[in-house]
C-alpha cells in the first residue's frame, strides 16, 4: 500500500472541529489516521479489512507519536457497524473507486481499489448509524461521480456542506472531489484546487498551504 495524494488530501482537508472520536474506514497504511491524530486530540479507531494492510498500519501507528490514541482493527466496515466501539464525531473514508473497471492483479489491491467489498450505500448507511447528531462524514471520490454521491446520500439524511474539487494541473478536468456530509441540510461551500502548476512535482501554493504540515519539502 503506497502513500497516495488522495489520502494526503482528505487527511489534511477533513473537518476536525472539536472531534473527540474519529473512525477511519479502510485505513490502509494508517496514513489518514496518523494525520488526524496529528491534527487533533481525538481517539481514533482505524478499521481495515485486509490482514496484511492492517499489520502494516499497526506497525506504522506503533512507530508514530500517537500510538496511544489510534487503535487499528482488522475487520470489515459491515461487521464493525454491527458491534461498534463508539459513536463518532467524524467518519473519514478514502473508498474503493473503480466501480466497473478492470480488476487489480492482487487480492490486496482488489480490496483497496474496487467497491465489491464496500458499496457506497453501505458506507452511507453505516455512517448514518454511527455518527453523532452533529458529526461529519468526509469522503474523497472521483469527480465524475459527484452527482451520484449527492443523490444517494440524501437517502440516508446526509447532505454535503463543503465540497472541494481537485484538478491535477491547470486546464485539465476535475479528477477528484472531496465532500463533507452531515445531517444539516445547509448551503454548500464549494471551492476548487489545482495540485501542480504544470511541471511535474511543481506544486501550487494552495496545495502546499493545505499539506505543509505533512510534507518535508514544504
C-alpha atoms as a PDB file:
ATOM      1  CA  UNK A   1       0.000   0.000   0.000  1.00  0.00           C
ATOM      2  CA  UNK A   2       1.574   3.258  -1.141  1.00  0.00           C
ATOM      3  CA  UNK A   3       1.035   6.678   0.386  1.00  0.00           C
ATOM      4  CA  UNK A   4      -1.098   8.452  -2.217  1.00  0.00           C
ATOM      5  CA  UNK A   5      -2.118  12.017  -2.886  1.00  0.00           C
ATOM      6  CA  UNK A   6      -5.780  11.162  -2.280  1.00  0.00           C
ATOM      7  CA  UNK A   7      -5.105  10.093   1.287  1.00  0.00           C
ATOM      8  CA  UNK A   8      -2.996  13.165   1.995  1.00  0.00           C
ATOM      9  CA  UNK A   9      -5.708  15.438   0.586  1.00  0.00           C
ATOM     10  CA  UNK A  10      -8.586  14.031   2.604  1.00  0.00           C
ATOM     11  CA  UNK A  11      -6.475  13.745   5.759  1.00  0.00           C
ATOM     12  CA  UNK A  12      -5.443  17.385   5.547  1.00  0.00           C
ATOM     13  CA  UNK A  13      -8.844  18.732   4.461  1.00  0.00           C
ATOM     14  CA  UNK A  14     -11.341  16.819   6.630  1.00  0.00           C
ATOM     15  CA  UNK A  15     -13.419  18.761   9.125  1.00  0.00           C
ATOM     16  CA  UNK A  16     -11.979  18.184  12.608  1.00  0.00           C
ATOM     17  CA  UNK A  17     -13.702  20.856  14.727  1.00  0.00           C
ATOM     18  CA  UNK A  18     -13.719  19.576  18.328  1.00  0.00           C
ATOM     19  CA  UNK A  19     -13.900  15.894  17.365  1.00  0.00           C
ATOM     20  CA  UNK A  20     -13.287  13.550  20.290  1.00  0.00           C
ATOM     21  CA  UNK A  21     -13.867  10.247  18.461  1.00  0.00           C
ATOM     22  CA  UNK A  22     -12.915   9.583  14.829  1.00  0.00           C
ATOM     23  CA  UNK A  23     -13.429   6.498  12.653  1.00  0.00           C
ATOM     24  CA  UNK A  24     -11.103   5.911   9.688  1.00  0.00           C
ATOM     25  CA  UNK A  25     -12.757   3.422   7.314  1.00  0.00           C
ATOM     26  CA  UNK A  26     -10.260   1.408   5.259  1.00  0.00           C
ATOM     27  CA  UNK A  27      -7.151   2.827   6.874  1.00  0.00           C
ATOM     28  CA  UNK A  28      -4.648   1.031   4.605  1.00  0.00           C
ATOM     29  CA  UNK A  29      -1.198   2.069   5.852  1.00  0.00           C
ATOM     30  CA  UNK A  30      -2.704   4.128   8.680  1.00  0.00           C
ATOM     31  CA  UNK A  31      -1.777   7.371   6.894  1.00  0.00           C
ATOM     32  CA  UNK A  32      -5.075   9.191   7.384  1.00  0.00           C
ATOM     33  CA  UNK A  33      -5.437   8.049  10.989  1.00  0.00           C
ATOM     34  CA  UNK A  34      -1.985   9.421  11.803  1.00  0.00           C
ATOM     35  CA  UNK A  35      -2.713  12.694  10.020  1.00  0.00           C
ATOM     36  CA  UNK A  36      -5.917  13.163  12.001  1.00  0.00           C
ATOM     37  CA  UNK A  37      -4.100  12.318  15.232  1.00  0.00           C
ATOM     38  CA  UNK A  38      -1.548  15.000  14.372  1.00  0.00           C
ATOM     39  CA  UNK A  39      -4.383  17.496  13.818  1.00  0.00           C
ATOM     40  CA  UNK A  40      -6.425  16.712  16.924  1.00  0.00           C
ATOM     41  CA  UNK A  41      -6.581  15.211  20.409  1.00  0.00           C
ATOM     42  CA  UNK A  42      -9.177  12.660  19.314  1.00  0.00           C
ATOM     43  CA  UNK A  43      -9.284   8.935  19.939  1.00  0.00           C
ATOM     44  CA  UNK A  44      -9.174   7.262  16.522  1.00  0.00           C
ATOM     45  CA  UNK A  45     -10.454   3.841  15.524  1.00  0.00           C
ATOM     46  CA  UNK A  46      -8.962   2.728  12.197  1.00  0.00           C
ATOM     47  CA  UNK A  47     -10.548  -0.304  10.559  1.00  0.00           C
ATOM     48  CA  UNK A  48      -9.026  -2.313   7.713  1.00  0.00           C
ATOM     49  CA  UNK A  49     -10.401  -5.477   6.092  1.00  0.00           C
ATOM     50  CA  UNK A  50      -7.106  -6.700   4.569  1.00  0.00           C
ATOM     51  CA  UNK A  51      -4.986  -8.512   7.191  1.00  0.00           C
ATOM     52  CA  UNK A  52      -1.619  -7.607   5.653  1.00  0.00           C
ATOM     53  CA  UNK A  53      -2.576  -3.935   5.396  1.00  0.00           C
ATOM     54  CA  UNK A  54      -3.839  -3.985   8.984  1.00  0.00           C
ATOM     55  CA  UNK A  55      -0.485  -5.376  10.165  1.00  0.00           C
ATOM     56  CA  UNK A  56       1.334  -2.624   8.279  1.00  0.00           C
ATOM     57  CA  UNK A  57      -0.969   0.022   9.748  1.00  0.00           C
ATOM     58  CA  UNK A  58      -0.372  -1.299  13.277  1.00  0.00           C
ATOM     59  CA  UNK A  59       3.387  -1.133  12.719  1.00  0.00           C
ATOM     60  CA  UNK A  60       3.189   2.423  11.412  1.00  0.00           C
ATOM     61  CA  UNK A  61       0.960   3.540  14.275  1.00  0.00           C
ATOM     62  CA  UNK A  62       3.266   1.913  16.819  1.00  0.00           C
ATOM     63  CA  UNK A  63       6.201   3.932  15.458  1.00  0.00           C
ATOM     64  CA  UNK A  64       4.218   7.182  15.436  1.00  0.00           C
ATOM     65  CA  UNK A  65       3.920   9.718  18.285  1.00  0.00           C
ATOM     66  CA  UNK A  66       0.171   8.966  18.537  1.00  0.00           C
ATOM     67  CA  UNK A  67       0.160   5.224  19.245  1.00  0.00           C
ATOM     68  CA  UNK A  68      -1.807   5.734  22.473  1.00  0.00           C
ATOM     69  CA  UNK A  69      -4.714   7.345  20.576  1.00  0.00           C
ATOM     70  CA  UNK A  70      -5.024   5.142  17.458  1.00  0.00           C
ATOM     71  CA  UNK A  71      -6.498   1.661  17.520  1.00  0.00           C
ATOM     72  CA  UNK A  72      -6.207  -0.437  14.317  1.00  0.00           C
ATOM     73  CA  UNK A  73      -8.925  -3.082  13.969  1.00  0.00           C
ATOM     74  CA  UNK A  74      -8.829  -5.777  11.279  1.00  0.00           C
ATOM     75  CA  UNK A  75     -12.469  -6.126  10.221  1.00  0.00           C
ATOM     76  CA  UNK A  76     -14.916  -5.074   7.541  1.00  0.00           C
ATOM     77  CA  UNK A  77     -16.976  -1.924   7.915  1.00  0.00           C
ATOM     78  CA  UNK A  78     -20.130  -4.002   7.647  1.00  0.00           C
ATOM     79  CA  UNK A  79     -19.083  -6.205  10.574  1.00  0.00           C
ATOM     80  CA  UNK A  80     -17.907  -3.229  12.612  1.00  0.00           C
ATOM     81  CA  UNK A  81     -21.266  -1.487  12.256  1.00  0.00           C
ATOM     82  CA  UNK A  82     -22.930  -4.444  13.991  1.00  0.00           C
ATOM     83  CA  UNK A  83     -20.757  -4.056  17.091  1.00  0.00           C
ATOM     84  CA  UNK A  84     -19.158  -0.597  17.125  1.00  0.00           C
ATOM     85  CA  UNK A  85     -16.912   0.611  19.906  1.00  0.00           C
ATOM     86  CA  UNK A  86     -18.368   4.102  19.862  1.00  0.00           C
ATOM     87  CA  UNK A  87     -20.354   6.738  18.038  1.00  0.00           C
ATOM     88  CA  UNK A  88     -18.245   9.268  16.171  1.00  0.00           C
ATOM     89  CA  UNK A  89     -17.833  12.981  15.599  1.00  0.00           C
ATOM     90  CA  UNK A  90     -16.032  12.310  12.310  1.00  0.00           C
ATOM     91  CA  UNK A  91     -16.035   9.358   9.939  1.00  0.00           C
ATOM     92  CA  UNK A  92     -13.483   9.571   7.140  1.00  0.00           C
ATOM     93  CA  UNK A  93     -13.028   7.317   4.147  1.00  0.00           C
ATOM     94  CA  UNK A  94     -10.857   7.099   1.052  1.00  0.00           C
ATOM     95  CA  UNK A  95     -13.155   4.474  -0.521  1.00  0.00           C
ATOM     96  CA  UNK A  96     -12.729   1.996  -3.390  1.00  0.00           C
ATOM     97  CA  UNK A  97     -13.001   3.939  -6.633  1.00  0.00           C
ATOM     98  CA  UNK A  98     -13.027   1.615  -9.600  1.00  0.00           C
ATOM     99  CA  UNK A  99     -16.682   0.659  -9.721  1.00  0.00           C
ATOM    100  CA  UNK A 100     -16.733  -1.019 -13.144  1.00  0.00           C
ATOM    101  CA  UNK A 101     -13.078  -1.092 -14.160  1.00  0.00           C
ATOM    102  CA  UNK A 102     -10.697  -3.988 -14.760  1.00  0.00           C
ATOM    103  CA  UNK A 103      -9.749  -5.810 -11.580  1.00  0.00           C
ATOM    104  CA  UNK A 104      -6.331  -5.289  -9.990  1.00  0.00           C
ATOM    105  CA  UNK A 105      -3.923  -8.236 -10.118  1.00  0.00           C
ATOM    106  CA  UNK A 106      -3.502  -8.951  -6.399  1.00  0.00           C
ATOM    107  CA  UNK A 107      -6.127  -9.558  -3.741  1.00  0.00           C
ATOM    108  CA  UNK A 108      -4.913  -6.674  -1.569  1.00  0.00           C
ATOM    109  CA  UNK A 109      -5.066  -4.250  -4.470  1.00  0.00           C
ATOM    110  CA  UNK A 110      -8.504  -5.518  -5.456  1.00  0.00           C
ATOM    111  CA  UNK A 111      -9.755  -4.803  -1.948  1.00  0.00           C
ATOM    112  CA  UNK A 112      -8.161  -1.354  -1.905  1.00  0.00           C
ATOM    113  CA  UNK A 113      -9.277  -0.283  -5.378  1.00  0.00           C
ATOM    114  CA  UNK A 114     -12.677  -1.841  -6.043  1.00  0.00           C
ATOM    115  CA  UNK A 115     -16.030  -1.437  -4.382  1.00  0.00           C
ATOM    116  CA  UNK A 116     -17.051  -5.101  -4.277  1.00  0.00           C
ATOM    117  CA  UNK A 117     -16.047  -5.165  -0.582  1.00  0.00           C
ATOM    118  CA  UNK A 118     -17.822  -1.922   0.403  1.00  0.00           C
ATOM    119  CA  UNK A 119     -20.677  -0.401  -1.593  1.00  0.00           C
ATOM    120  CA  UNK A 120     -21.261   3.343  -1.183  1.00  0.00           C
ATOM    121  CA  UNK A 121     -24.757   2.768   0.161  1.00  0.00           C
ATOM    122  CA  UNK A 122     -23.285   0.516   2.843  1.00  0.00           C
ATOM    123  CA  UNK A 123     -20.826   3.255   3.797  1.00  0.00           C
ATOM    124  CA  UNK A 124     -23.572   5.895   3.947  1.00  0.00           C
ATOM    125  CA  UNK A 125     -25.926   3.641   5.895  1.00  0.00           C
ATOM    126  CA  UNK A 126     -23.187   2.811   8.389  1.00  0.00           C
ATOM    127  CA  UNK A 127     -22.250   6.461   8.748  1.00  0.00           C
ATOM    128  CA  UNK A 128     -25.874   7.342   9.416  1.00  0.00           C
ATOM    129  CA  UNK A 129     -25.959   4.897  12.326  1.00  0.00           C
ATOM    130  CA  UNK A 130     -22.505   5.640  13.750  1.00  0.00           C
ATOM    131  CA  UNK A 131     -22.334   9.443  13.542  1.00  0.00           C
ATOM    132  CA  UNK A 132     -23.220  11.678  16.449  1.00  0.00           C
ATOM    133  CA  UNK A 133     -26.034  14.165  15.669  1.00  0.00           C
ATOM    134  CA  UNK A 134     -23.551  16.920  14.810  1.00  0.00           C
ATOM    135  CA  UNK A 135     -20.962  14.607  13.253  1.00  0.00           C
ATOM    136  CA  UNK A 136     -19.400  14.728   9.799  1.00  0.00           C
ATOM    137  CA  UNK A 137     -18.627  12.184   7.090  1.00  0.00           C
ATOM    138  CA  UNK A 138     -15.699  13.136   4.828  1.00  0.00           C
ATOM    139  CA  UNK A 139     -15.086  11.265   1.573  1.00  0.00           C
ATOM    140  CA  UNK A 140     -12.809  11.647  -1.456  1.00  0.00           C
ATOM    141  CA  UNK A 141     -14.326  10.329  -4.679  1.00  0.00           C
ATOM    142  CA  UNK A 142     -13.930  10.527  -8.476  1.00  0.00           C
ATOM    143  CA  UNK A 143     -15.193  13.908  -9.623  1.00  0.00           C
ATOM    144  CA  UNK A 144     -17.459  12.421 -12.282  1.00  0.00           C
ATOM    145  CA  UNK A 145     -19.393  10.575  -9.566  1.00  0.00           C
ATOM    146  CA  UNK A 146     -20.181  13.716  -7.548  1.00  0.00           C
ATOM    147  CA  UNK A 147     -23.853  13.961  -8.558  1.00  0.00           C
ATOM    148  CA  UNK A 148     -24.351  10.244  -7.906  1.00  0.00           C
ATOM    149  CA  UNK A 149     -22.920  10.535  -4.401  1.00  0.00           C
ATOM    150  CA  UNK A 150     -25.034  13.581  -3.548  1.00  0.00           C
ATOM    151  CA  UNK A 151     -28.172  11.854  -4.801  1.00  0.00           C
ATOM    152  CA  UNK A 152     -27.744   8.644  -2.823  1.00  0.00           C
ATOM    153  CA  UNK A 153     -26.554  10.440   0.317  1.00  0.00           C
ATOM    154  CA  UNK A 154     -29.993  12.045   0.674  1.00  0.00           C
ATOM    155  CA  UNK A 155     -31.487   8.572   1.146  1.00  0.00           C
ATOM    156  CA  UNK A 156     -29.600   8.467   4.461  1.00  0.00           C
ATOM    157  CA  UNK A 157     -30.369  12.060   5.532  1.00  0.00           C
ATOM    158  CA  UNK A 158     -26.782  13.105   4.815  1.00  0.00           C
ATOM    159  CA  UNK A 159     -26.165  16.359   2.960  1.00  0.00           C
ATOM    160  CA  UNK A 160     -22.978  17.961   1.610  1.00  0.00           C
ATOM    161  CA  UNK A 161     -21.970  21.152   3.372  1.00  0.00           C
ATOM    162  CA  UNK A 162     -18.490  21.543   1.905  1.00  0.00           C
ATOM    163  CA  UNK A 163     -17.093  20.450  -1.468  1.00  0.00           C
ATOM    164  CA  UNK A 164     -13.530  20.744  -2.807  1.00  0.00           C
ATOM    165  CA  UNK A 165     -12.953  19.822  -6.459  1.00  0.00           C
ATOM    166  CA  UNK A 166      -9.429  18.819  -7.442  1.00  0.00           C
ATOM    167  CA  UNK A 167      -7.736  19.074 -10.847  1.00  0.00           C
ATOM    168  CA  UNK A 168      -4.220  17.680 -11.379  1.00  0.00           C
ATOM    169  CA  UNK A 169      -2.850  20.572 -13.497  1.00  0.00           C
ATOM    170  CA  UNK A 170      -4.247  23.815 -14.959  1.00  0.00           C
ATOM    171  CA  UNK A 171      -6.665  23.306 -17.835  1.00  0.00           C
ATOM    172  CA  UNK A 172      -7.491  19.686 -17.003  1.00  0.00           C
ATOM    173  CA  UNK A 173     -10.881  18.433 -15.862  1.00  0.00           C
ATOM    174  CA  UNK A 174     -11.500  17.785 -12.191  1.00  0.00           C
ATOM    175  CA  UNK A 175     -10.333  14.306 -11.177  1.00  0.00           C
ATOM    176  CA  UNK A 176     -11.319  14.134  -7.528  1.00  0.00           C
ATOM    177  CA  UNK A 177     -13.958  15.685  -5.298  1.00  0.00           C
ATOM    178  CA  UNK A 178     -13.704  15.942  -1.516  1.00  0.00           C
ATOM    179  CA  UNK A 179     -17.090  16.083   0.197  1.00  0.00           C
ATOM    180  CA  UNK A 180     -18.118  16.806   3.776  1.00  0.00           C
ATOM    181  CA  UNK A 181     -21.540  15.420   4.739  1.00  0.00           C
ATOM    182  CA  UNK A 182     -23.622  15.990   7.842  1.00  0.00           C
ATOM    183  CA  UNK A 183     -27.254  15.737   8.906  1.00  0.00           C
ATOM    184  CA  UNK A 184     -27.682  19.507   8.393  1.00  0.00           C
ATOM    185  CA  UNK A 185     -29.215  20.474   5.041  1.00  0.00           C
ATOM    186  CA  UNK A 186     -27.485  23.806   4.523  1.00  0.00           C
ATOM    187  CA  UNK A 187     -25.927  25.925   1.749  1.00  0.00           C
ATOM    188  CA  UNK A 188     -22.865  24.261   0.251  1.00  0.00           C
ATOM    189  CA  UNK A 189     -19.418  25.867   0.364  1.00  0.00           C
ATOM    190  CA  UNK A 190     -17.780  24.988  -2.982  1.00  0.00           C
ATOM    191  CA  UNK A 191     -14.092  25.508  -3.753  1.00  0.00           C
ATOM    192  CA  UNK A 192     -11.523  24.095  -6.162  1.00  0.00           C
ATOM    193  CA  UNK A 193      -7.801  23.372  -6.185  1.00  0.00           C
ATOM    194  CA  UNK A 194      -5.096  22.605  -8.716  1.00  0.00           C
ATOM    195  CA  UNK A 195      -2.346  20.309  -7.405  1.00  0.00           C
ATOM    196  CA  UNK A 196       0.549  21.023  -9.771  1.00  0.00           C
ATOM    197  CA  UNK A 197       1.339  24.207 -11.673  1.00  0.00           C
ATOM    198  CA  UNK A 198       2.059  22.329 -14.905  1.00  0.00           C
ATOM    199  CA  UNK A 199       5.540  20.974 -14.279  1.00  0.00           C
ATOM    200  CA  UNK A 200       5.989  17.605 -12.570  1.00  0.00           C
ATOM    201  CA  UNK A 201       6.247  17.977  -8.770  1.00  0.00           C
ATOM    202  CA  UNK A 202       5.925  21.762  -9.001  1.00  0.00           C
ATOM    203  CA  UNK A 203       3.021  22.155  -6.602  1.00  0.00           C
ATOM    204  CA  UNK A 204       0.553  25.012  -6.452  1.00  0.00           C
ATOM    205  CA  UNK A 205       0.668  27.333  -3.459  1.00  0.00           C
ATOM    206  CA  UNK A 206      -2.816  26.301  -2.369  1.00  0.00           C
ATOM    207  CA  UNK A 207      -1.791  22.629  -2.307  1.00  0.00           C
ATOM    208  CA  UNK A 208       1.374  23.465  -0.365  1.00  0.00           C
ATOM    209  CA  UNK A 209      -0.646  25.510   2.125  1.00  0.00           C
ATOM    210  CA  UNK A 210      -3.071  22.618   2.704  1.00  0.00           C
ATOM    211  CA  UNK A 211      -0.420  19.913   3.106  1.00  0.00           C
ATOM    212  CA  UNK A 212       2.624  21.725   4.506  1.00  0.00           C
ATOM    213  CA  UNK A 213       2.352  20.033   7.903  1.00  0.00           C
ATOM    214  CA  UNK A 214       2.843  16.618   6.265  1.00  0.00           C
ATOM    215  CA  UNK A 215       5.463  17.008   3.516  1.00  0.00           C
ATOM    216  CA  UNK A 216       9.118  17.614   4.283  1.00  0.00           C
ATOM    217  CA  UNK A 217       9.614  19.629   1.102  1.00  0.00           C
ATOM    218  CA  UNK A 218       7.073  22.181   2.243  1.00  0.00           C
END
